[in-house]
C-alpha atoms as a PDB file:
ATOM      1  CA  MET A   1     104.004  16.309 144.506  1.00  0.00           C
ATOM      2  CA  SER A   2     103.719  19.743 142.979  1.00  0.00           C
ATOM      3  CA  SER A   3     106.694  22.038 143.393  1.00  0.00           C
ATOM      4  CA  PRO A   4     105.711  24.672 145.962  1.00  0.00           C
ATOM      5  CA  LYS A   5     107.196  28.112 146.363  1.00  0.00           C
ATOM      6  CA  ALA A   6     109.787  28.622 149.060  1.00  0.00           C
ATOM      7  CA  ALA A   7     108.686  30.150 152.321  1.00  0.00           C
ATOM      8  CA  SER A   8     109.672  33.732 153.022  1.00  0.00           C
ATOM      9  CA  PRO A   9     112.952  33.965 154.939  1.00  0.00           C
ATOM     10  CA  SER A  10     112.672  34.835 158.617  1.00  0.00           C
ATOM     11  CA  ALA A  11     116.259  35.406 159.715  1.00  0.00           C
ATOM     12  CA  ALA A  12     116.246  39.144 160.356  1.00  0.00           C
ATOM     13  CA  GLY A  13     119.031  40.118 162.681  1.00  0.00           C
ATOM     14  CA  SER A  14     121.268  37.153 161.913  1.00  0.00           C
ATOM     15  CA  PRO A  15     124.842  38.399 162.357  1.00  0.00           C
ATOM     16  CA  LYS A  16     126.219  35.872 159.910  1.00  0.00           C
ATOM     17  CA  ALA A  17     124.746  33.802 157.115  1.00  0.00           C
ATOM     18  CA  ALA A  18     125.074  30.091 157.751  1.00  0.00           C
ATOM     19  CA  THR A  19     126.541  27.782 155.162  1.00  0.00           C
ATOM     20  CA  PRO A  20     124.404  24.791 154.167  1.00  0.00           C
ATOM     21  CA  ALA A  21     126.114  21.433 154.021  1.00  0.00           C
ATOM     22  CA  ALA A  22     124.752  21.383 150.479  1.00  0.00           C
ATOM     23  CA  ALA A  23     122.661  23.905 148.597  1.00  0.00           C
ATOM     24  CA  THR A  24     118.952  23.083 148.355  1.00  0.00           C
ATOM     25  CA  ALA A  25     116.270  25.087 146.605  1.00  0.00           C
ATOM     26  CA  GLY A  26     113.694  26.567 148.965  1.00  0.00           C
ATOM     27  CA  SER A  27     115.840  26.437 152.108  1.00  0.00           C
ATOM     28  CA  SER A  28     115.380  29.343 154.500  1.00  0.00           C
ATOM     29  CA  PRO A  29     118.149  31.383 156.071  1.00  0.00           C
ATOM     30  CA  PRO A  30     119.044  30.270 159.609  1.00  0.00           C
ATOM     31  CA  THR A  31     118.796  32.024 162.944  1.00  0.00           C
ATOM     32  CA  THR A  32     121.723  33.479 164.924  1.00  0.00           C
ATOM     33  CA  ALA A  33     124.989  31.548 164.728  1.00  0.00           C
ATOM     34  CA  LEU A  34     125.824  29.330 167.697  1.00  0.00           C
ATOM     35  CA  GLU A  35     129.213  29.565 169.369  1.00  0.00           C
ATOM     36  CA  PRO A  36     131.044  26.234 169.741  1.00  0.00           C
ATOM     37  CA  ASP A  37     132.242  25.136 173.163  1.00  0.00           C
ATOM     38  CA  THR A  38     136.020  25.091 172.770  1.00  0.00           C
ATOM     39  CA  ALA A  39     136.560  23.789 176.293  1.00  0.00           C
ATOM     40  CA  ILE A  40     135.458  20.284 175.294  1.00  0.00           C
ATOM     41  CA  PRO A  41     137.839  18.041 173.302  1.00  0.00           C
ATOM     42  CA  ASP A  42     136.668  17.378 169.753  1.00  0.00           C
ATOM     43  CA  ASP A  43     137.058  13.625 170.090  1.00  0.00           C
ATOM     44  CA  VAL A  44     134.955  13.190 173.263  1.00  0.00           C
ATOM     45  CA  ASP A  45     133.018   9.919 173.285  1.00  0.00           C
ATOM     46  CA  ASP A  46     129.462  10.142 174.631  1.00  0.00           C
ATOM     47  CA  ASP A  47     128.753   6.405 174.751  1.00  0.00           C
ATOM     48  CA  GLY A  48     128.783   6.432 178.531  1.00  0.00           C
ATOM     49  CA  ASN A  49     126.602   9.513 178.976  1.00  0.00           C
ATOM     50  CA  SER A  50     123.124   8.373 179.921  1.00  0.00           C
ATOM     51  CA  ALA A  51     121.918  11.719 181.247  1.00  0.00           C
ATOM     52  CA  TYR A  52     120.386  12.677 177.928  1.00  0.00           C
ATOM     53  CA  GLY A  53     119.439   9.901 177.789  1.00  0.00           C
ATOM     54  CA  GLU A  54      90.971   1.857 159.760  1.00  0.00           C
ATOM     55  CA  SER A  55      89.286   4.869 159.700  1.00  0.00           C
ATOM     56  CA  LEU A  56      89.361   8.608 160.073  1.00  0.00           C
ATOM     57  CA  VAL A  57      87.823   8.709 163.446  1.00  0.00           C
ATOM     58  CA  GLY A  58      85.623   6.264 165.254  1.00  0.00           C
ATOM     59  CA  SER A  59      82.172   7.706 165.745  1.00  0.00           C
ATOM     60  CA  ASP A  60      82.463   9.596 162.478  1.00  0.00           C
ATOM     61  CA  THR A  61      83.028   6.509 160.321  1.00  0.00           C
ATOM     62  CA  ALA A  62      83.363   2.726 160.508  1.00  0.00           C
ATOM     63  CA  SER A  63      85.529   0.763 162.943  1.00  0.00           C
ATOM     64  CA  MET A  64      88.992  -0.528 162.100  1.00  0.00           C
ATOM     65  CA  ALA A  65      89.320  -3.558 159.863  1.00  0.00           C
ATOM     66  CA  SER A  66      91.528  -6.424 161.031  1.00  0.00           C
ATOM     67  CA  SER A  67      93.917  -5.869 158.120  1.00  0.00           C
ATOM     68  CA  VAL A  68      94.901  -2.541 159.623  1.00  0.00           C
ATOM     69  CA  MET A  69      96.440  -4.340 162.586  1.00  0.00           C
ATOM     70  CA  LYS A  70      98.885  -6.379 160.493  1.00  0.00           C
ATOM     71  CA  TYR A  71     102.597  -5.698 160.078  1.00  0.00           C
ATOM     72  CA  ARG A  72     105.287  -6.511 157.515  1.00  0.00           C
ATOM     73  CA  MET A  73     108.998  -7.228 157.969  1.00  0.00           C
ATOM     74  CA  GLU A  74     111.728  -5.732 155.788  1.00  0.00           C
ATOM     75  CA  ASN A  75     115.504  -5.745 156.316  1.00  0.00           C
ATOM     76  CA  GLY A  76     115.059  -6.921 159.881  1.00  0.00           C
ATOM     77  CA  ARG A  77     112.673  -4.119 160.882  1.00  0.00           C
ATOM     78  CA  ARG A  78     108.874  -4.120 161.326  1.00  0.00           C
ATOM     79  CA  TYR A  79     106.725  -1.752 159.228  1.00  0.00           C
ATOM     80  CA  HIS A  80     103.031  -0.914 158.929  1.00  0.00           C
ATOM     81  CA  ALA A  81     101.094  -3.093 156.467  1.00  0.00           C
ATOM     82  CA  TYR A  82      98.125  -0.774 155.974  1.00  0.00           C
ATOM     83  CA  LYS A  83      98.970   1.488 153.010  1.00  0.00           C
ATOM     84  CA  ALA A  84     102.388  -0.198 152.978  1.00  0.00           C
ATOM     85  CA  GLY A  85     105.225   2.116 152.012  1.00  0.00           C
ATOM     86  CA  ALA A  86     103.368   5.357 152.654  1.00  0.00           C
ATOM     87  CA  TYR A  87     105.526   5.925 155.746  1.00  0.00           C
ATOM     88  CA  ILE A  88     109.240   5.146 155.482  1.00  0.00           C
ATOM     89  CA  LEU A  89     110.048   4.481 159.135  1.00  0.00           C
ATOM     90  CA  PRO A  90     109.527   1.204 160.999  1.00  0.00           C
ATOM     91  CA  ASN A  91     106.976   0.816 163.785  1.00  0.00           C
ATOM     92  CA  ASP A  92     108.777  -1.690 166.013  1.00  0.00           C
ATOM     93  CA  GLU A  93     109.613  -1.227 169.684  1.00  0.00           C
ATOM     94  CA  ILE A  94     113.056   0.214 168.948  1.00  0.00           C
ATOM     95  CA  GLU A  95     111.551   2.959 166.819  1.00  0.00           C
ATOM     96  CA  ASN A  96     108.653   3.575 169.198  1.00  0.00           C
ATOM     97  CA  GLU A  97     111.086   4.196 172.051  1.00  0.00           C
ATOM     98  CA  ARG A  98     112.945   6.667 169.847  1.00  0.00           C
ATOM     99  CA  LEU A  99     109.700   8.461 169.000  1.00  0.00           C
ATOM    100  CA  ASP A 100     109.032   8.983 172.694  1.00  0.00           C
ATOM    101  CA  LEU A 101     112.572  10.323 173.148  1.00  0.00           C
ATOM    102  CA  GLN A 102     111.985  12.620 170.172  1.00  0.00           C
ATOM    103  CA  HIS A 103     108.806  13.905 171.817  1.00  0.00           C
ATOM    104  CA  ASN A 104     110.884  15.113 174.760  1.00  0.00           C
ATOM    105  CA  LEU A 105     113.305  16.795 172.357  1.00  0.00           C
ATOM    106  CA  CYS A 106     110.464  18.613 170.583  1.00  0.00           C
ATOM    107  CA  VAL A 107     109.001  19.817 173.871  1.00  0.00           C
ATOM    108  CA  LEU A 108     112.446  20.945 175.030  1.00  0.00           C
ATOM    109  CA  ILE A 109     113.099  23.022 171.895  1.00  0.00           C
ATOM    110  CA  GLN A 110     109.716  24.744 172.460  1.00  0.00           C
ATOM    111  CA  ASN A 111     110.602  25.667 176.047  1.00  0.00           C
ATOM    112  CA  ASN A 112     108.576  22.826 177.565  1.00  0.00           C
ATOM    113  CA  LYS A 113     105.432  23.649 175.583  1.00  0.00           C
ATOM    114  CA  LEU A 114     103.389  21.120 173.609  1.00  0.00           C
ATOM    115  CA  PHE A 115     102.539  23.735 170.954  1.00  0.00           C
ATOM    116  CA  LEU A 116     103.033  27.429 170.231  1.00  0.00           C
ATOM    117  CA  ALA A 117      99.786  28.516 168.538  1.00  0.00           C
ATOM    118  CA  PRO A 118      97.585  30.946 170.545  1.00  0.00           C
ATOM    119  CA  VAL A 119      94.833  28.480 171.449  1.00  0.00           C
ATOM    120  CA  GLY A 120      93.171  27.548 174.715  1.00  0.00           C
ATOM    121  CA  LYS A 121      91.171  29.290 177.425  1.00  0.00           C
ATOM    122  CA  GLU A 122      93.977  31.735 178.127  1.00  0.00           C
ATOM    123  CA  TYR A 123      93.394  33.144 174.644  1.00  0.00           C
ATOM    124  CA  GLY A 124      89.620  33.110 174.983  1.00  0.00           C
ATOM    125  CA  ARG A 125      89.398  30.198 172.572  1.00  0.00           C
ATOM    126  CA  PRO A 126      88.333  26.958 174.330  1.00  0.00           C
ATOM    127  CA  LEU A 127      89.367  23.695 172.724  1.00  0.00           C
ATOM    128  CA  ASN A 128      86.580  21.190 172.162  1.00  0.00           C
ATOM    129  CA  ARG A 129      88.057  18.981 169.436  1.00  0.00           C
ATOM    130  CA  VAL A 130      91.743  18.542 168.592  1.00  0.00           C
ATOM    131  CA  LEU A 131      93.337  16.429 165.851  1.00  0.00           C
ATOM    132  CA  ASP A 132      96.835  14.986 166.239  1.00  0.00           C
ATOM    133  CA  GLY A 133      97.734  13.963 162.692  1.00  0.00           C
ATOM    134  CA  GLY A 134     100.433  11.296 162.509  1.00  0.00           C
ATOM    135  CA  THR A 135     100.124  10.611 166.231  1.00  0.00           C
ATOM    136  CA  GLY A 136     102.722   7.794 166.309  1.00  0.00           C
ATOM    137  CA  THR A 137     102.907   6.367 169.813  1.00  0.00           C
ATOM    138  CA  GLY A 138     100.251   8.884 170.891  1.00  0.00           C
ATOM    139  CA  ILE A 139     102.472  10.533 173.475  1.00  0.00           C
ATOM    140  CA  TRP A 140     101.671  14.103 172.370  1.00  0.00           C
ATOM    141  CA  ALA A 141      97.928  13.373 172.256  1.00  0.00           C
ATOM    142  CA  VAL A 142      97.969  11.879 175.761  1.00  0.00           C
ATOM    143  CA  ASP A 143     100.006  14.744 177.213  1.00  0.00           C
ATOM    144  CA  PHE A 144      97.715  17.264 175.521  1.00  0.00           C
ATOM    145  CA  ALA A 145      94.607  15.498 176.826  1.00  0.00           C
ATOM    146  CA  ASP A 146      96.006  15.573 180.357  1.00  0.00           C
ATOM    147  CA  GLU A 147      96.767  19.282 180.091  1.00  0.00           C
ATOM    148  CA  TYR A 148      93.420  20.132 178.459  1.00  0.00           C
ATOM    149  CA  PRO A 149      90.846  17.744 179.960  1.00  0.00           C
ATOM    150  CA  GLU A 150      87.999  19.744 178.417  1.00  0.00           C
ATOM    151  CA  ALA A 151      89.204  18.827 174.892  1.00  0.00           C
ATOM    152  CA  ASN A 152      88.424  15.660 172.952  1.00  0.00           C
ATOM    153  CA  VAL A 153      91.708  14.639 171.324  1.00  0.00           C
ATOM    154  CA  VAL A 154      91.720  12.462 168.211  1.00  0.00           C
ATOM    155  CA  GLY A 155      94.971  10.803 167.137  1.00  0.00           C
ATOM    156  CA  VAL A 156      95.292   9.345 163.618  1.00  0.00           C
ATOM    157  CA  ASP A 157      98.144   7.209 162.295  1.00  0.00           C
ATOM    158  CA  LEU A 158      98.909   4.433 159.810  1.00  0.00           C
ATOM    159  CA  SER A 159     100.313   2.202 162.559  1.00  0.00           C
ATOM    160  CA  PRO A 160      98.367   0.681 165.480  1.00  0.00           C
ATOM    161  CA  ILE A 161     101.106   1.372 168.033  1.00  0.00           C
ATOM    162  CA  GLN A 162      99.182   3.550 170.492  1.00  0.00           C
ATOM    163  CA  PRO A 163      98.573   2.569 174.125  1.00  0.00           C
ATOM    164  CA  SER A 164      95.339   0.880 175.200  1.00  0.00           C
ATOM    165  CA  PHE A 165      94.983   2.764 178.475  1.00  0.00           C
ATOM    166  CA  VAL A 166      94.616   6.484 177.830  1.00  0.00           C
ATOM    167  CA  PRO A 167      92.732   9.448 179.320  1.00  0.00           C
ATOM    168  CA  PRO A 168      88.972   9.304 178.671  1.00  0.00           C
ATOM    169  CA  ASN A 169      89.196  12.298 176.317  1.00  0.00           C
ATOM    170  CA  VAL A 170      91.600  10.571 173.867  1.00  0.00           C
ATOM    171  CA  GLU A 171      90.712   8.377 170.885  1.00  0.00           C
ATOM    172  CA  PHE A 172      93.105   6.723 168.430  1.00  0.00           C
ATOM    173  CA  PHE A 173      92.206   5.567 164.936  1.00  0.00           C
ATOM    174  CA  ILE A 174      94.129   4.139 162.016  1.00  0.00           C
ATOM    175  CA  ASP A 175      93.889   5.770 158.609  1.00  0.00           C
ATOM    176  CA  ASP A 176      95.761   7.575 155.861  1.00  0.00           C
ATOM    177  CA  LEU A 177      95.775  11.354 156.262  1.00  0.00           C
ATOM    178  CA  GLU A 178      96.284  11.726 152.512  1.00  0.00           C
ATOM    179  CA  ALA A 179      92.980   9.982 151.786  1.00  0.00           C
ATOM    180  CA  ASP A 180      89.713  11.926 151.725  1.00  0.00           C
ATOM    181  CA  TRP A 181      88.831  13.066 155.225  1.00  0.00           C
ATOM    182  CA  THR A 182      85.386  11.965 156.384  1.00  0.00           C
ATOM    183  CA  PHE A 183      85.163  13.716 159.735  1.00  0.00           C
ATOM    184  CA  VAL A 184      81.628  14.871 160.537  1.00  0.00           C
ATOM    185  CA  ARG A 185      82.528  17.310 163.311  1.00  0.00           C
ATOM    186  CA  PRO A 186      85.174  20.014 162.771  1.00  0.00           C
ATOM    187  CA  PHE A 187      88.198  20.703 164.953  1.00  0.00           C
ATOM    188  CA  ASP A 188      89.388  23.736 166.876  1.00  0.00           C
ATOM    189  CA  PHE A 189      93.072  22.812 166.560  1.00  0.00           C
ATOM    190  CA  ILE A 190      94.927  20.531 164.127  1.00  0.00           C
ATOM    191  CA  TYR A 191      98.487  19.524 164.940  1.00  0.00           C
ATOM    192  CA  PHE A 192     101.164  17.827 162.814  1.00  0.00           C
ATOM    193  CA  ARG A 193     104.641  17.081 164.147  1.00  0.00           C
ATOM    194  CA  MET A 194     107.626  15.332 162.548  1.00  0.00           C
ATOM    195  CA  MET A 195     105.618  14.565 159.413  1.00  0.00           C
ATOM    196  CA  THR A 196     108.259  15.633 156.917  1.00  0.00           C
ATOM    197  CA  GLY A 197     108.946  12.728 154.550  1.00  0.00           C
ATOM    198  CA  SER A 198     105.509  11.261 155.269  1.00  0.00           C
ATOM    199  CA  ILE A 199     103.266  13.399 153.044  1.00  0.00           C
ATOM    200  CA  ARG A 200     103.348  13.503 149.230  1.00  0.00           C
ATOM    201  CA  ASN A 201     100.809  16.290 148.744  1.00  0.00           C
ATOM    202  CA  TRP A 202     101.098  18.951 151.410  1.00  0.00           C
ATOM    203  CA  PRO A 203      98.836  21.513 149.677  1.00  0.00           C
ATOM    204  CA  ARG A 204      95.967  19.011 149.662  1.00  0.00           C
ATOM    205  CA  LEU A 205      96.583  18.160 153.326  1.00  0.00           C
ATOM    206  CA  PHE A 206      96.357  21.849 154.178  1.00  0.00           C
ATOM    207  CA  GLU A 207      93.191  22.251 152.101  1.00  0.00           C
ATOM    208  CA  GLN A 208      91.546  19.368 153.976  1.00  0.00           C
ATOM    209  CA  SER A 209      92.736  20.785 157.290  1.00  0.00           C
ATOM    210  CA  TYR A 210      91.200  24.144 156.407  1.00  0.00           C
ATOM    211  CA  GLN A 211      87.891  22.497 155.476  1.00  0.00           C
ATOM    212  CA  HIS A 212      87.768  20.571 158.761  1.00  0.00           C
ATOM    213  CA  LEU A 213      88.596  23.437 161.099  1.00  0.00           C
ATOM    214  CA  ASN A 214      86.011  25.604 162.800  1.00  0.00           C
ATOM    215  CA  PRO A 215      86.155  29.288 161.803  1.00  0.00           C
ATOM    216  CA  GLY A 216      88.904  30.864 163.878  1.00  0.00           C
ATOM    217  CA  GLY A 217      90.567  27.479 164.435  1.00  0.00           C
ATOM    218  CA  TRP A 218      94.321  26.939 164.206  1.00  0.00           C
ATOM    219  CA  ILE A 219      96.748  24.562 162.528  1.00  0.00           C
ATOM    220  CA  GLU A 220     100.335  23.991 163.663  1.00  0.00           C
ATOM    221  CA  LEU A 221     103.269  22.041 162.229  1.00  0.00           C
ATOM    222  CA  HIS A 222     106.671  21.243 163.694  1.00  0.00           C
ATOM    223  CA  ASP A 223     109.446  19.778 161.514  1.00  0.00           C
ATOM    224  CA  PRO A 224     113.197  19.871 160.894  1.00  0.00           C
ATOM    225  CA  SER A 225     114.644  20.639 157.481  1.00  0.00           C
ATOM    226  CA  ASN A 226     117.534  19.232 155.444  1.00  0.00           C
ATOM    227  CA  PRO A 227     120.360  19.368 154.533  1.00  0.00           C
ATOM    228  CA  LEU A 228     122.424  20.091 157.628  1.00  0.00           C
ATOM    229  CA  ARG A 229     123.836  23.599 157.927  1.00  0.00           C
ATOM    230  CA  THR A 230     126.958  25.060 159.524  1.00  0.00           C
ATOM    231  CA  ASP A 231     127.910  28.633 160.423  1.00  0.00           C
ATOM    232  CA  ASP A 232     131.614  28.028 159.828  1.00  0.00           C
ATOM    233  CA  ASP A 233     131.979  25.435 157.034  1.00  0.00           C
ATOM    234  CA  SER A 234     133.121  22.903 159.626  1.00  0.00           C
ATOM    235  CA  LEU A 235     131.339  19.872 158.108  1.00  0.00           C
ATOM    236  CA  PRO A 236     133.633  18.486 155.376  1.00  0.00           C
ATOM    237  CA  LYS A 237     132.024  17.416 152.119  1.00  0.00           C
ATOM    238  CA  GLU A 238     134.103  14.239 152.224  1.00  0.00           C
ATOM    239  CA  SER A 239     132.650  13.266 155.632  1.00  0.00           C
ATOM    240  CA  ALA A 240     130.305  10.294 155.939  1.00  0.00           C
ATOM    241  CA  LEU A 241     127.732  12.511 157.676  1.00  0.00           C
ATOM    242  CA  TRP A 242     127.662  14.989 154.773  1.00  0.00           C
ATOM    243  CA  LYS A 243     127.344  12.130 152.261  1.00  0.00           C
ATOM    244  CA  TRP A 244     124.586  10.398 154.224  1.00  0.00           C
ATOM    245  CA  ASN A 245     122.572  13.577 154.806  1.00  0.00           C
ATOM    246  CA  ASN A 246     122.594  14.623 151.158  1.00  0.00           C
ATOM    247  CA  LEU A 247     121.747  11.116 149.917  1.00  0.00           C
ATOM    248  CA  PHE A 248     118.972  10.996 152.523  1.00  0.00           C
ATOM    249  CA  LEU A 249     117.473  14.205 151.138  1.00  0.00           C
ATOM    250  CA  GLU A 250     117.989  13.083 147.523  1.00  0.00           C
ATOM    251  CA  ALA A 251     116.175   9.789 148.150  1.00  0.00           C
ATOM    252  CA  SER A 252     113.246  11.509 149.861  1.00  0.00           C
ATOM    253  CA  ILE A 253     112.845  13.896 146.904  1.00  0.00           C
ATOM    254  CA  LYS A 254     112.889  10.965 144.469  1.00  0.00           C
ATOM    255  CA  LEU A 255     110.237   9.263 146.595  1.00  0.00           C
ATOM    256  CA  GLY A 256     108.053  12.371 146.362  1.00  0.00           C
ATOM    257  CA  ALA A 257     108.107  13.096 150.083  1.00  0.00           C
ATOM    258  CA  PRO A 258     111.021  15.517 150.525  1.00  0.00           C
ATOM    259  CA  MET A 259     112.701  15.870 153.883  1.00  0.00           C
ATOM    260  CA  ASN A 260     112.812  19.650 153.506  1.00  0.00           C
ATOM    261  CA  SER A 261     109.031  20.101 153.307  1.00  0.00           C
ATOM    262  CA  CYS A 262     108.932  22.589 156.178  1.00  0.00           C
ATOM    263  CA  ASP A 263     110.719  25.126 153.964  1.00  0.00           C
ATOM    264  CA  TYR A 264     107.395  25.533 152.133  1.00  0.00           C
ATOM    265  CA  TYR A 265     104.770  25.377 154.893  1.00  0.00           C
ATOM    266  CA  GLU A 266     104.435  29.135 155.338  1.00  0.00           C
ATOM    267  CA  GLN A 267     103.474  29.849 151.733  1.00  0.00           C
ATOM    268  CA  GLN A 268     101.394  26.675 151.389  1.00  0.00           C
ATOM    269  CA  LEU A 269      99.299  27.592 154.438  1.00  0.00           C
ATOM    270  CA  LYS A 270      98.701  31.058 153.010  1.00  0.00           C
ATOM    271  CA  ASP A 271      97.742  29.538 149.651  1.00  0.00           C
ATOM    272  CA  ALA A 272      95.215  27.309 151.454  1.00  0.00           C
ATOM    273  CA  GLY A 273      93.528  30.388 152.961  1.00  0.00           C
ATOM    274  CA  PHE A 274      95.108  30.556 156.417  1.00  0.00           C
ATOM    275  CA  ILE A 275      95.868  33.938 157.960  1.00  0.00           C
ATOM    276  CA  ASN A 276      98.150  35.059 160.798  1.00  0.00           C
ATOM    277  CA  VAL A 277     100.735  32.561 159.586  1.00  0.00           C
ATOM    278  CA  THR A 278     103.750  32.599 161.889  1.00  0.00           C
ATOM    279  CA  VAL A 279     107.124  30.858 161.588  1.00  0.00           C
ATOM    280  CA  VAL A 280     109.332  30.173 164.612  1.00  0.00           C
ATOM    281  CA  GLU A 281     112.755  28.815 163.670  1.00  0.00           C
ATOM    282  CA  GLU A 282     115.148  27.059 166.022  1.00  0.00           C
ATOM    283  CA  LYS A 283     118.343  25.018 165.674  1.00  0.00           C
ATOM    284  CA  TRP A 284     119.061  21.370 166.389  1.00  0.00           C
ATOM    285  CA  PRO A 285     122.828  20.975 166.884  1.00  0.00           C
ATOM    286  CA  ILE A 286     123.930  17.430 165.930  1.00  0.00           C
ATOM    287  CA  ASN A 287     125.672  16.937 169.275  1.00  0.00           C
ATOM    288  CA  PRO A 288     126.562  19.018 172.386  1.00  0.00           C
ATOM    289  CA  TRP A 289     129.109  21.168 170.535  1.00  0.00           C
ATOM    290  CA  PRO A 290     127.543  24.582 171.336  1.00  0.00           C
ATOM    291  CA  LYS A 291     128.846  26.657 174.227  1.00  0.00           C
ATOM    292  CA  ASP A 292     125.357  27.859 175.122  1.00  0.00           C
ATOM    293  CA  LYS A 293     123.953  25.664 177.902  1.00  0.00           C
ATOM    294  CA  ARG A 294     120.465  25.341 176.389  1.00  0.00           C
ATOM    295  CA  TYR A 295     121.707  24.367 172.955  1.00  0.00           C
ATOM    296  CA  LYS A 296     124.285  22.029 174.470  1.00  0.00           C
ATOM    297  CA  GLU A 297     121.441  20.118 176.132  1.00  0.00           C
ATOM    298  CA  ILE A 298     119.385  20.177 172.929  1.00  0.00           C
ATOM    299  CA  GLY A 299     122.415  18.897 171.016  1.00  0.00           C
ATOM    300  CA  ALA A 300     122.790  15.968 173.396  1.00  0.00           C
ATOM    301  CA  TRP A 301     119.155  14.996 172.827  1.00  0.00           C
ATOM    302  CA  VAL A 302     119.523  15.403 169.050  1.00  0.00           C
ATOM    303  CA  GLN A 303     122.627  13.228 169.029  1.00  0.00           C
ATOM    304  CA  GLU A 304     120.864  10.454 170.910  1.00  0.00           C
ATOM    305  CA  ASN A 305     117.813  10.770 168.658  1.00  0.00           C
ATOM    306  CA  LEU A 306     119.952  10.471 165.528  1.00  0.00           C
ATOM    307  CA  GLN A 307     122.108   7.651 166.865  1.00  0.00           C
ATOM    308  CA  GLN A 308     119.005   5.625 167.699  1.00  0.00           C
ATOM    309  CA  GLY A 309     117.207   6.541 164.481  1.00  0.00           C
ATOM    310  CA  LEU A 310     119.908   6.334 161.797  1.00  0.00           C
ATOM    311  CA  GLU A 311     119.056   2.799 160.712  1.00  0.00           C
ATOM    312  CA  ALA A 312     115.312   3.503 160.732  1.00  0.00           C
ATOM    313  CA  LEU A 313     115.752   6.713 158.758  1.00  0.00           C
ATOM    314  CA  SER A 314     118.049   5.093 156.204  1.00  0.00           C
ATOM    315  CA  LEU A 315     116.973   1.561 155.322  1.00  0.00           C
ATOM    316  CA  ALA A 316     113.793   2.162 153.344  1.00  0.00           C
ATOM    317  CA  LEU A 317     115.087   5.231 151.502  1.00  0.00           C
ATOM    318  CA  PHE A 318     118.525   3.875 150.647  1.00  0.00           C
ATOM    319  CA  CYS A 319     117.432   0.309 149.813  1.00  0.00           C
ATOM    320  CA  ASN A 320     114.091   0.922 148.094  1.00  0.00           C
ATOM    321  CA  VAL A 321     114.798   4.267 146.411  1.00  0.00           C
ATOM    322  CA  LEU A 322     118.566   4.423 145.895  1.00  0.00           C
ATOM    323  CA  LYS A 323     118.850   0.622 145.475  1.00  0.00           C
ATOM    324  CA  TRP A 324     121.623   0.125 148.016  1.00  0.00           C
ATOM    325  CA  THR A 325     122.008  -3.215 149.748  1.00  0.00           C
ATOM    326  CA  PRO A 326     121.376  -3.333 153.508  1.00  0.00           C
ATOM    327  CA  GLU A 327     125.060  -4.194 153.951  1.00  0.00           C
ATOM    328  CA  GLU A 328     126.112  -1.048 152.099  1.00  0.00           C
ATOM    329  CA  VAL A 329     123.794   1.048 154.249  1.00  0.00           C
ATOM    330  CA  HIS A 330     125.102  -0.388 157.502  1.00  0.00           C
ATOM    331  CA  LEU A 331     128.704   0.131 156.380  1.00  0.00           C
ATOM    332  CA  LEU A 332     128.058   3.819 155.731  1.00  0.00           C
ATOM    333  CA  LEU A 333     126.225   4.235 159.049  1.00  0.00           C
ATOM    334  CA  VAL A 334     129.266   3.000 160.981  1.00  0.00           C
ATOM    335  CA  ASP A 335     131.141   6.112 159.886  1.00  0.00           C
ATOM    336  CA  VAL A 336     128.088   8.390 160.205  1.00  0.00           C
ATOM    337  CA  ARG A 337     127.775   7.423 163.871  1.00  0.00           C
ATOM    338  CA  LYS A 338     131.412   8.311 164.388  1.00  0.00           C
ATOM    339  CA  ASP A 339     130.872  11.698 162.735  1.00  0.00           C
ATOM    340  CA  LEU A 340     127.885  12.460 164.948  1.00  0.00           C
ATOM    341  CA  LYS A 341     130.240  12.383 167.954  1.00  0.00           C
ATOM    342  CA  LYS A 342     132.753  14.850 166.522  1.00  0.00           C
ATOM    343  CA  ARG A 343     132.508  18.166 168.342  1.00  0.00           C
ATOM    344  CA  GLU A 344     134.545  19.878 165.641  1.00  0.00           C
ATOM    345  CA  TYR A 345     131.579  19.416 163.275  1.00  0.00           C
ATOM    346  CA  HIS A 346     129.415  22.419 164.167  1.00  0.00           C
ATOM    347  CA  ALA A 347     126.455  21.223 162.126  1.00  0.00           C
ATOM    348  CA  TRP A 348     122.800  21.827 162.896  1.00  0.00           C
ATOM    349  CA  SER A 349     119.349  21.316 161.424  1.00  0.00           C
ATOM    350  CA  PRO A 350     116.808  24.131 161.120  1.00  0.00           C
ATOM    351  CA  VAL A 351     113.620  23.135 162.930  1.00  0.00           C
ATOM    352  CA  ARG A 352     110.503  25.184 162.262  1.00  0.00           C
ATOM    353  CA  THR A 353     107.183  25.590 164.008  1.00  0.00           C
ATOM    354  CA  VAL A 354     104.636  27.061 161.611  1.00  0.00           C
ATOM    355  CA  TYR A 355     101.081  27.920 162.625  1.00  0.00           C
ATOM    356  CA  GLY A 356      98.136  29.712 161.054  1.00  0.00           C
ATOM    357  CA  GLN A 357      94.465  30.492 161.592  1.00  0.00           C
ATOM    358  CA  LYS A 358      91.300  29.884 159.594  1.00  0.00           C
ATOM    359  CA  PRO A 359      89.527  33.258 159.304  1.00  0.00           C
ATOM    360  CA  GLU A 360      86.618  33.820 161.678  1.00  0.00           C
ATOM    361  CA  GLU A 361      84.363  34.751 158.753  1.00  0.00           C
ATOM    362  CA  ALA A 362      85.240  31.644 156.697  1.00  0.00           C
END
């Protein structure tokens, strides 16, 4: 993957510069510092808290081949067999349940909105065709189709894990988004969420998105960045969480699919020809340590998402890239899970929504 330029910082008004858990080229300054909730003991245990608790598109090309429906097993988890290794996370039921939980987290951080780009009838821009790239379980595509019944929503993914019974305006197809796109009809809106670590060549993906959008159409991305940050240096470098997070990022960079890709989206979209590029940055606290009620709730969701996803996020990168044994990975994760519960660690991930428009005259 070519080395892109860092996105322009968008932290005007921040009263205090946050301290990254480790320095990474291209990382953007954070938003306003969060105040920790000092009324909650640092060693609180949340175990008992269940409250937070084939082809690029059917009619455009050929139908799915049977090989696309196969799976492979590795280190006790199930992975996609089509274009094996292109996506590092498993596609078993455990992971699919986490993806649906993560969907709720993403909607929550965007104030109960499925997207932020100015599209839809309320903006005088009806949606006829929408692409959900990397649709996963298809939950965003289905929710979008319910909210916008006039739109035909196309979900594309490497794994055949989408539901069979969906709204009549939803279609799911299996293919590799990094292959040449063969869509015949263009889209009005293209959406990518939680795709960091999944794409090797983001500039090419944006070029293909631009080519397959109608003039005036929009693209939107939503991803977290790494490494973890703090506003008060409260995450010790000797902690298991700090070690895991930096090794996680290191492995993804070695793989060619860095887990800080969203740091570069703004400039890459501009380079692809998009205009009106906008960046909205938020924070994902690692647990409910913030005093602010909204971020406390977000932190609880993030903690559950990470606790459920640690093994899935780690196994392929640590074993296949860093050459750890599964036993070594699981041993580290024992201590990482403990760290994720520590309220004295005021760590957070930047999460960015970036959207842009194809010019009307293009």
